[in-house]
PDB file of N, CA and C in Angstrom:
ATOM      1  N   MET A   1     -32.419  20.012  71.583  1.00  0.00           N
ATOM      2  CA  MET A   1     -33.485  20.984  71.699  1.00  0.00           C
ATOM      3  C   MET A   1     -34.812  20.269  71.960  1.00  0.00           C
ATOM      4  N   ARG A   2     -35.550  20.790  72.917  1.00  0.00           N
ATOM      5  CA  ARG A   2     -36.848  20.207  73.231  1.00  0.00           C
ATOM      6  C   ARG A   2     -37.874  20.629  72.196  1.00  0.00           C
ATOM      7  N   LYS A   3     -38.833  19.765  71.964  1.00  0.00           N
ATOM      8  CA  LYS A   3     -39.877  20.080  70.996  1.00  0.00           C
ATOM      9  C   LYS A   3     -41.240  19.913  71.646  1.00  0.00           C
ATOM     10  N   LYS A   4     -42.259  20.485  71.029  1.00  0.00           N
ATOM     11  CA  LYS A   4     -43.628  20.366  71.523  1.00  0.00           C
ATOM     12  C   LYS A   4     -44.323  19.232  70.802  1.00  0.00           C
ATOM     13  N   GLU A   5     -45.078  18.441  71.561  1.00  0.00           N
ATOM     14  CA  GLU A   5     -45.879  17.355  71.003  1.00  0.00           C
ATOM     15  C   GLU A   5     -47.295  17.469  71.531  1.00  0.00           C
ATOM     16  N   LEU A   6     -48.255  17.041  70.728  1.00  0.00           N
ATOM     17  CA  LEU A   6     -49.644  17.014  71.148  1.00  0.00           C
ATOM     18  C   LEU A   6     -49.827  15.862  72.126  1.00  0.00           C
ATOM     19  N   LYS A   7     -50.291  16.169  73.338  1.00  0.00           N
ATOM     20  CA  LYS A   7     -50.448  15.181  74.399  1.00  0.00           C
ATOM     21  C   LYS A   7     -51.842  15.281  75.011  1.00  0.00           C
ATOM     22  N   LEU A   8     -52.229  14.209  75.658  1.00  0.00           N
ATOM     23  CA  LEU A   8     -53.458  14.176  76.440  1.00  0.00           C
ATOM     24  C   LEU A   8     -53.107  14.696  77.831  1.00  0.00           C
ATOM     25  N   VAL A   9     -53.866  15.663  78.334  1.00  0.00           N
ATOM     26  CA  VAL A   9     -53.623  16.234  79.655  1.00  0.00           C
ATOM     27  C   VAL A   9     -54.924  16.148  80.447  1.00  0.00           C
ATOM     28  N   ILE A  10     -54.860  15.435  81.569  1.00  0.00           N
ATOM     29  CA  ILE A  10     -56.039  15.253  82.431  1.00  0.00           C
ATOM     30  C   ILE A  10     -55.805  16.049  83.710  1.00  0.00           C
ATOM     31  N   THR A  11     -56.727  16.965  84.011  1.00  0.00           N
ATOM     32  CA  THR A  11     -56.610  17.761  85.223  1.00  0.00           C
ATOM     33  C   THR A  11     -57.556  17.212  86.294  1.00  0.00           C
ATOM     34  N   PHE A  12     -57.247  17.567  87.544  1.00  0.00           N
ATOM     35  CA  PHE A  12     -57.986  17.038  88.688  1.00  0.00           C
ATOM     36  C   PHE A  12     -58.400  18.171  89.619  1.00  0.00           C
ATOM     37  N   HIS A  13     -59.413  17.902  90.431  1.00  0.00           N
ATOM     38  CA  HIS A  13     -59.912  18.888  91.377  1.00  0.00           C
ATOM     39  C   HIS A  13     -58.963  19.078  92.549  1.00  0.00           C
ATOM     40  N   THR A  14     -58.300  18.009  92.972  1.00  0.00           N
ATOM     41  CA  THR A  14     -57.435  18.089  94.157  1.00  0.00           C
ATOM     42  C   THR A  14     -56.098  17.396  93.901  1.00  0.00           C
ATOM     43  N   THR A  15     -55.114  17.768  94.709  1.00  0.00           N
ATOM     44  CA  THR A  15     -53.813  17.126  94.634  1.00  0.00           C
ATOM     45  C   THR A  15     -53.933  15.649  95.000  1.00  0.00           C
ATOM     46  N   ALA A  16     -54.804  15.335  95.940  1.00  0.00           N
ATOM     47  CA  ALA A  16     -55.017  13.930  96.327  1.00  0.00           C
ATOM     48  C   ALA A  16     -55.510  13.107  95.144  1.00  0.00           C
ATOM     49  N   ASP A  17     -56.385  13.675  94.323  1.00  0.00           N
ATOM     50  CA  ASP A  17     -56.864  12.964  93.128  1.00  0.00           C
ATOM     51  C   ASP A  17     -55.720  12.728  92.142  1.00  0.00           C
ATOM     52  N   ALA A  18     -54.872  13.733  91.958  1.00  0.00           N
ATOM     53  CA  ALA A  18     -53.731  13.596  91.040  1.00  0.00           C
ATOM     54  C   ALA A  18     -52.781  12.504  91.537  1.00  0.00           C
ATOM     55  N   MET A  19     -52.533  12.473  92.830  1.00  0.00           N
ATOM     56  CA  MET A  19     -51.646  11.459  93.406  1.00  0.00           C
ATOM     57  C   MET A  19     -52.284  10.064  93.307  1.00  0.00           C
ATOM     58  N   ALA A  20     -53.597   9.988  93.475  1.00  0.00           N
ATOM     59  CA  ALA A  20     -54.293   8.707  93.330  1.00  0.00           C
ATOM     60  C   ALA A  20     -54.173   8.202  91.893  1.00  0.00           C
ATOM     61  N   MET A  21     -54.239   9.110  90.929  1.00  0.00           N
ATOM     62  CA  MET A  21     -54.080   8.748  89.515  1.00  0.00           C
ATOM     63  C   MET A  21     -52.681   8.188  89.281  1.00  0.00           C
ATOM     64  N   GLU A  22     -51.676   8.851  89.818  1.00  0.00           N
ATOM     65  CA  GLU A  22     -50.300   8.377  89.647  1.00  0.00           C
ATOM     66  C   GLU A  22     -50.131   6.972  90.235  1.00  0.00           C
ATOM     67  N   LYS A  23     -50.635   6.765  91.425  1.00  0.00           N
ATOM     68  CA  LYS A  23     -50.519   5.459  92.092  1.00  0.00           C
ATOM     69  C   LYS A  23     -51.240   4.376  91.283  1.00  0.00           C
ATOM     70  N   ALA A  24     -52.454   4.668  90.829  1.00  0.00           N
ATOM     71  CA  ALA A  24     -53.235   3.690  90.071  1.00  0.00           C
ATOM     72  C   ALA A  24     -52.571   3.370  88.734  1.00  0.00           C
ATOM     73  N   CYS A  25     -52.063   4.381  88.059  1.00  0.00           N
ATOM     74  CA  CYS A  25     -51.418   4.154  86.770  1.00  0.00           C
ATOM     75  C   CYS A  25     -50.145   3.319  86.919  1.00  0.00           C
ATOM     76  N   LYS A  26     -49.398   3.560  87.976  1.00  0.00           N
ATOM     77  CA  LYS A  26     -48.198   2.757  88.218  1.00  0.00           C
ATOM     78  C   LYS A  26     -48.565   1.306  88.480  1.00  0.00           C
ATOM     79  N   SER A  27     -49.596   1.077  89.289  1.00  0.00           N
ATOM     80  CA  SER A  27     -49.969  -0.310  89.608  1.00  0.00           C
ATOM     81  C   SER A  27     -50.601  -1.027  88.417  1.00  0.00           C
ATOM     82  N   GLU A  28     -51.246  -0.285  87.528  1.00  0.00           N
ATOM     83  CA  GLU A  28     -51.884  -0.868  86.340  1.00  0.00           C
ATOM     84  C   GLU A  28     -50.960  -0.903  85.123  1.00  0.00           C
ATOM     85  N   GLY A  29     -49.793  -0.271  85.233  1.00  0.00           N
ATOM     86  CA  GLY A  29     -48.869  -0.217  84.108  1.00  0.00           C
ATOM     87  C   GLY A  29     -49.302   0.740  83.010  1.00  0.00           C
ATOM     88  N   ALA A  30     -50.153   1.713  83.360  1.00  0.00           N
ATOM     89  CA  ALA A  30     -50.623   2.699  82.387  1.00  0.00           C
ATOM     90  C   ALA A  30     -49.532   3.745  82.172  1.00  0.00           C
ATOM     91  N   LYS A  31     -49.429   4.241  80.962  1.00  0.00           N
ATOM     92  CA  LYS A  31     -48.387   5.195  80.612  1.00  0.00           C
ATOM     93  C   LYS A  31     -48.781   6.613  80.996  1.00  0.00           C
ATOM     94  N   GLY A  32     -47.754   7.440  81.196  1.00  0.00           N
ATOM     95  CA  GLY A  32     -47.965   8.845  81.495  1.00  0.00           C
ATOM     96  C   GLY A  32     -47.184   9.258  82.717  1.00  0.00           C
ATOM     97  N   ARG A  33     -47.364  10.544  83.077  1.00  0.00           N
ATOM     98  CA  ARG A  33     -46.666  11.079  84.245  1.00  0.00           C
ATOM     99  C   ARG A  33     -47.377  12.326  84.732  1.00  0.00           C
ATOM    100  N   LEU A  34     -47.145  12.670  85.995  1.00  0.00           N
ATOM    101  CA  LEU A  34     -47.672  13.915  86.541  1.00  0.00           C
ATOM    102  C   LEU A  34     -46.824  15.079  86.043  1.00  0.00           C
ATOM    103  N   ILE A  35     -47.489  16.157  85.686  1.00  0.00           N
ATOM    104  CA  ILE A  35     -46.814  17.388  85.265  1.00  0.00           C
ATOM    105  C   ILE A  35     -47.505  18.577  85.923  1.00  0.00           C
ATOM    106  N   PRO A  36     -46.819  19.705  86.003  1.00  0.00           N
ATOM    107  CA  PRO A  36     -47.533  20.930  86.404  1.00  0.00           C
ATOM    108  C   PRO A  36     -48.556  21.271  85.314  1.00  0.00           C
ATOM    109  N   VAL A  37     -49.686  21.779  85.713  1.00  0.00           N
ATOM    110  CA  VAL A  37     -50.718  22.134  84.732  1.00  0.00           C
ATOM    111  C   VAL A  37     -50.160  23.205  83.797  1.00  0.00           C
ATOM    112  N   PRO A  38     -50.267  22.987  82.479  1.00  0.00           N
ATOM    113  CA  PRO A  38     -49.799  24.002  81.527  1.00  0.00           C
ATOM    114  C   PRO A  38     -50.509  25.343  81.720  1.00  0.00           C
ATOM    115  N   ARG A  39     -49.820  26.423  81.432  1.00  0.00           N
ATOM    116  CA  ARG A  39     -50.382  27.769  81.628  1.00  0.00           C
ATOM    117  C   ARG A  39     -51.657  28.001  80.838  1.00  0.00           C
ATOM    118  N   THR A  40     -51.810  27.314  79.735  1.00  0.00           N
ATOM    119  CA  THR A  40     -52.990  27.518  78.899  1.00  0.00           C
ATOM    120  C   THR A  40     -54.249  26.898  79.498  1.00  0.00           C
ATOM    121  N   ILE A  41     -54.077  26.121  80.566  1.00  0.00           N
ATOM    122  CA  ILE A  41     -55.191  25.440  81.232  1.00  0.00           C
ATOM    123  C   ILE A  41     -55.228  25.930  82.678  1.00  0.00           C
ATOM    124  N   SER A  42     -56.426  26.068  83.230  1.00  0.00           N
ATOM    125  CA  SER A  42     -56.500  26.333  84.667  1.00  0.00           C
ATOM    126  C   SER A  42     -57.108  25.107  85.330  1.00  0.00           C
ATOM    127  N   ALA A  43     -56.555  24.732  86.473  1.00  0.00           N
ATOM    128  CA  ALA A  43     -57.053  23.566  87.194  1.00  0.00           C
ATOM    129  C   ALA A  43     -56.940  23.821  88.679  1.00  0.00           C
ATOM    130  N   GLY A  44     -57.766  23.125  89.419  1.00  0.00           N
ATOM    131  CA  GLY A  44     -57.833  23.331  90.855  1.00  0.00           C
ATOM    132  C   GLY A  44     -56.559  23.055  91.607  1.00  0.00           C
ATOM    133  N   CYS A  45     -55.856  21.977  91.278  1.00  0.00           N
ATOM    134  CA  CYS A  45     -54.749  21.560  92.148  1.00  0.00           C
ATOM    135  C   CYS A  45     -53.364  21.891  91.600  1.00  0.00           C
ATOM    136  N   GLY A  46     -53.232  22.213  90.338  1.00  0.00           N
ATOM    137  CA  GLY A  46     -51.925  22.544  89.790  1.00  0.00           C
ATOM    138  C   GLY A  46     -51.161  21.368  89.226  1.00  0.00           C
ATOM    139  N   LEU A  47     -51.693  20.152  89.353  1.00  0.00           N
ATOM    140  CA  LEU A  47     -51.060  18.957  88.778  1.00  0.00           C
ATOM    141  C   LEU A  47     -51.986  18.327  87.751  1.00  0.00           C
ATOM    142  N   ALA A  48     -51.382  17.711  86.743  1.00  0.00           N
ATOM    143  CA  ALA A  48     -52.160  17.050  85.695  1.00  0.00           C
ATOM    144  C   ALA A  48     -51.435  15.772  85.280  1.00  0.00           C
ATOM    145  N   TRP A  49     -52.189  14.841  84.696  1.00  0.00           N
ATOM    146  CA  TRP A  49     -51.607  13.617  84.156  1.00  0.00           C
ATOM    147  C   TRP A  49     -51.411  13.838  82.665  1.00  0.00           C
ATOM    148  N   CYS A  50     -50.207  13.577  82.178  1.00  0.00           N
ATOM    149  CA  CYS A  50     -49.860  13.776  80.776  1.00  0.00           C
ATOM    150  C   CYS A  50     -49.496  12.428  80.158  1.00  0.00           C
ATOM    151  N   ALA A  51     -50.070  12.148  78.987  1.00  0.00           N
ATOM    152  CA  ALA A  51     -49.789  10.885  78.300  1.00  0.00           C
ATOM    153  C   ALA A  51     -50.005  11.079  76.801  1.00  0.00           C
ATOM    154  N   ASP A  52     -49.602  10.072  76.035  1.00  0.00           N
ATOM    155  CA  ASP A  52     -49.839  10.094  74.598  1.00  0.00           C
ATOM    156  C   ASP A  52     -51.341  10.031  74.329  1.00  0.00           C
ATOM    157  N   LEU A  53     -51.756  10.616  73.210  1.00  0.00           N
ATOM    158  CA  LEU A  53     -53.180  10.669  72.868  1.00  0.00           C
ATOM    159  C   LEU A  53     -53.820   9.282  72.800  1.00  0.00           C
ATOM    160  N   GLU A  54     -53.060   8.299  72.325  1.00  0.00           N
ATOM    161  CA  GLU A  54     -53.638   6.963  72.165  1.00  0.00           C
ATOM    162  C   GLU A  54     -53.880   6.243  73.492  1.00  0.00           C
ATOM    163  N   CYS A  55     -53.462   6.838  74.590  1.00  0.00           N
ATOM    164  CA  CYS A  55     -53.659   6.239  75.918  1.00  0.00           C
ATOM    165  C   CYS A  55     -55.000   6.618  76.545  1.00  0.00           C
ATOM    166  N   ARG A  56     -55.791   7.441  75.870  1.00  0.00           N
ATOM    167  CA  ARG A  56     -57.037   7.968  76.444  1.00  0.00           C
ATOM    168  C   ARG A  56     -57.925   6.869  77.025  1.00  0.00           C
ATOM    169  N   GLU A  57     -58.242   5.860  76.247  1.00  0.00           N
ATOM    170  CA  GLU A  57     -59.183   4.825  76.702  1.00  0.00           C
ATOM    171  C   GLU A  57     -58.643   4.034  77.889  1.00  0.00           C
ATOM    172  N   SER A  58     -57.356   3.696  77.861  1.00  0.00           N
ATOM    173  CA  SER A  58     -56.783   2.930  78.975  1.00  0.00           C
ATOM    174  C   SER A  58     -56.756   3.771  80.242  1.00  0.00           C
ATOM    175  N   LEU A  59     -56.485   5.068  80.121  1.00  0.00           N
ATOM    176  CA  LEU A  59     -56.478   5.937  81.297  1.00  0.00           C
ATOM    177  C   LEU A  59     -57.883   6.127  81.857  1.00  0.00           C
ATOM    178  N   LEU A  60     -58.850   6.271  80.988  1.00  0.00           N
ATOM    179  CA  LEU A  60     -60.233   6.379  81.453  1.00  0.00           C
ATOM    180  C   LEU A  60     -60.670   5.101  82.166  1.00  0.00           C
ATOM    181  N   ALA A  61     -60.211   3.955  81.687  1.00  0.00           N
ATOM    182  CA  ALA A  61     -60.534   2.687  82.345  1.00  0.00           C
ATOM    183  C   ALA A  61     -59.911   2.621  83.735  1.00  0.00           C
ATOM    184  N   VAL A  62     -58.685   3.077  83.867  1.00  0.00           N
ATOM    185  CA  VAL A  62     -58.027   3.109  85.184  1.00  0.00           C
ATOM    186  C   VAL A  62     -58.811   4.022  86.124  1.00  0.00           C
ATOM    187  N   MET A  63     -59.204   5.192  85.632  1.00  0.00           N
ATOM    188  CA  MET A  63     -59.942   6.134  86.468  1.00  0.00           C
ATOM    189  C   MET A  63     -61.295   5.571  86.880  1.00  0.00           C
ATOM    190  N   GLU A  64     -61.950   4.883  85.970  1.00  0.00           N
ATOM    191  CA  GLU A  64     -63.236   4.267  86.302  1.00  0.00           C
ATOM    192  C   GLU A  64     -63.050   3.184  87.361  1.00  0.00           C
ATOM    193  N   LYS A  65     -61.995   2.415  87.235  1.00  0.00           N
ATOM    194  CA  LYS A  65     -61.721   1.319  88.171  1.00  0.00           C
ATOM    195  C   LYS A  65     -61.558   1.835  89.604  1.00  0.00           C
ATOM    196  N   ILE A  66     -60.899   2.985  89.764  1.00  0.00           N
ATOM    197  CA  ILE A  66     -60.685   3.523  91.113  1.00  0.00           C
ATOM    198  C   ILE A  66     -61.702   4.612  91.464  1.00  0.00           C
ATOM    199  N   GLN A  67     -62.701   4.792  90.607  1.00  0.00           N
ATOM    200  CA  GLN A  67     -63.779   5.766  90.801  1.00  0.00           C
ATOM    201  C   GLN A  67     -63.237   7.186  90.988  1.00  0.00           C
ATOM    202  N   LEU A  68     -62.358   7.577  90.070  1.00  0.00           N
ATOM    203  CA  LEU A  68     -61.739   8.900  90.095  1.00  0.00           C
ATOM    204  C   LEU A  68     -62.321   9.735  88.964  1.00  0.00           C
ATOM    205  N   LYS A  69     -62.762  10.931  89.287  1.00  0.00           N
ATOM    206  CA  LYS A  69     -63.359  11.826  88.295  1.00  0.00           C
ATOM    207  C   LYS A  69     -62.378  12.940  87.955  1.00  0.00           C
ATOM    208  N   GLU A  70     -62.138  13.131  86.673  1.00  0.00           N
ATOM    209  CA  GLU A  70     -61.256  14.206  86.220  1.00  0.00           C
ATOM    210  C   GLU A  70     -61.970  15.549  86.315  1.00  0.00           C
ATOM    211  N   GLN A  71     -61.182  16.620  86.342  1.00  0.00           N
ATOM    212  CA  GLN A  71     -61.756  17.950  86.233  1.00  0.00           C
ATOM    213  C   GLN A  71     -62.046  18.227  84.753  1.00  0.00           C
ATOM    214  N   GLU A  72     -61.007  18.045  83.914  1.00  0.00           N
ATOM    215  CA  GLU A  72     -61.150  18.204  82.472  1.00  0.00           C
ATOM    216  C   GLU A  72     -60.121  17.340  81.760  1.00  0.00           C
ATOM    217  N   ILE A  73     -60.386  17.059  80.484  1.00  0.00           N
ATOM    218  CA  ILE A  73     -59.435  16.355  79.641  1.00  0.00           C
ATOM    219  C   ILE A  73     -59.149  17.243  78.432  1.00  0.00           C
ATOM    220  N   HIS A  74     -57.853  17.486  78.177  1.00  0.00           N
ATOM    221  CA  HIS A  74     -57.431  18.382  77.101  1.00  0.00           C
ATOM    222  C   HIS A  74     -56.462  17.669  76.170  1.00  0.00           C
ATOM    223  N   GLU A  75     -56.342  18.188  74.974  1.00  0.00           N
ATOM    224  CA  GLU A  75     -55.264  17.825  74.065  1.00  0.00           C
ATOM    225  C   GLU A  75     -54.456  19.102  73.878  1.00  0.00           C
ATOM    226  N   CYS A  76     -53.191  19.085  74.345  1.00  0.00           N
ATOM    227  CA  CYS A  76     -52.358  20.286  74.369  1.00  0.00           C
ATOM    228  C   CYS A  76     -50.984  19.997  73.810  1.00  0.00           C
ATOM    229  N   LEU A  77     -50.343  21.037  73.301  1.00  0.00           N
ATOM    230  CA  LEU A  77     -48.935  20.941  72.927  1.00  0.00           C
ATOM    231  C   LEU A  77     -48.111  21.076  74.197  1.00  0.00           C
ATOM    232  N   ILE A  78     -47.270  20.065  74.462  1.00  0.00           N
ATOM    233  CA  ILE A  78     -46.447  20.006  75.668  1.00  0.00           C
ATOM    234  C   ILE A  78     -44.997  19.857  75.251  1.00  0.00           C
ATOM    235  N   MET A  79     -44.100  20.529  75.966  1.00  0.00           N
ATOM    236  CA  MET A  79     -42.662  20.366  75.729  1.00  0.00           C
ATOM    237  C   MET A  79     -42.228  18.999  76.201  1.00  0.00           C
ATOM    238  N   VAL A  80     -41.519  18.274  75.356  1.00  0.00           N
ATOM    239  CA  VAL A  80     -40.987  16.939  75.741  1.00  0.00           C
ATOM    240  C   VAL A  80     -39.493  16.891  75.536  1.00  0.00           C
TER     241      VAL A  80
END
């Protein structure tokens, strides 16, 4: 049975931004994955980056490195 866990969810303005995040995180070894934006959140492109809460600072550093701006950052219960 799947359970819900509190996760960090970063939304983006465009699909290109979400894909750039995925590429940068893979090359930097940052944890997380792309997910559809949860229904409780609205976002421009429909994709979000999901990771453990403790990954916040490392993900922000990756985004700063590639000059990527998030739409919003949330802490949400996500099915895992």
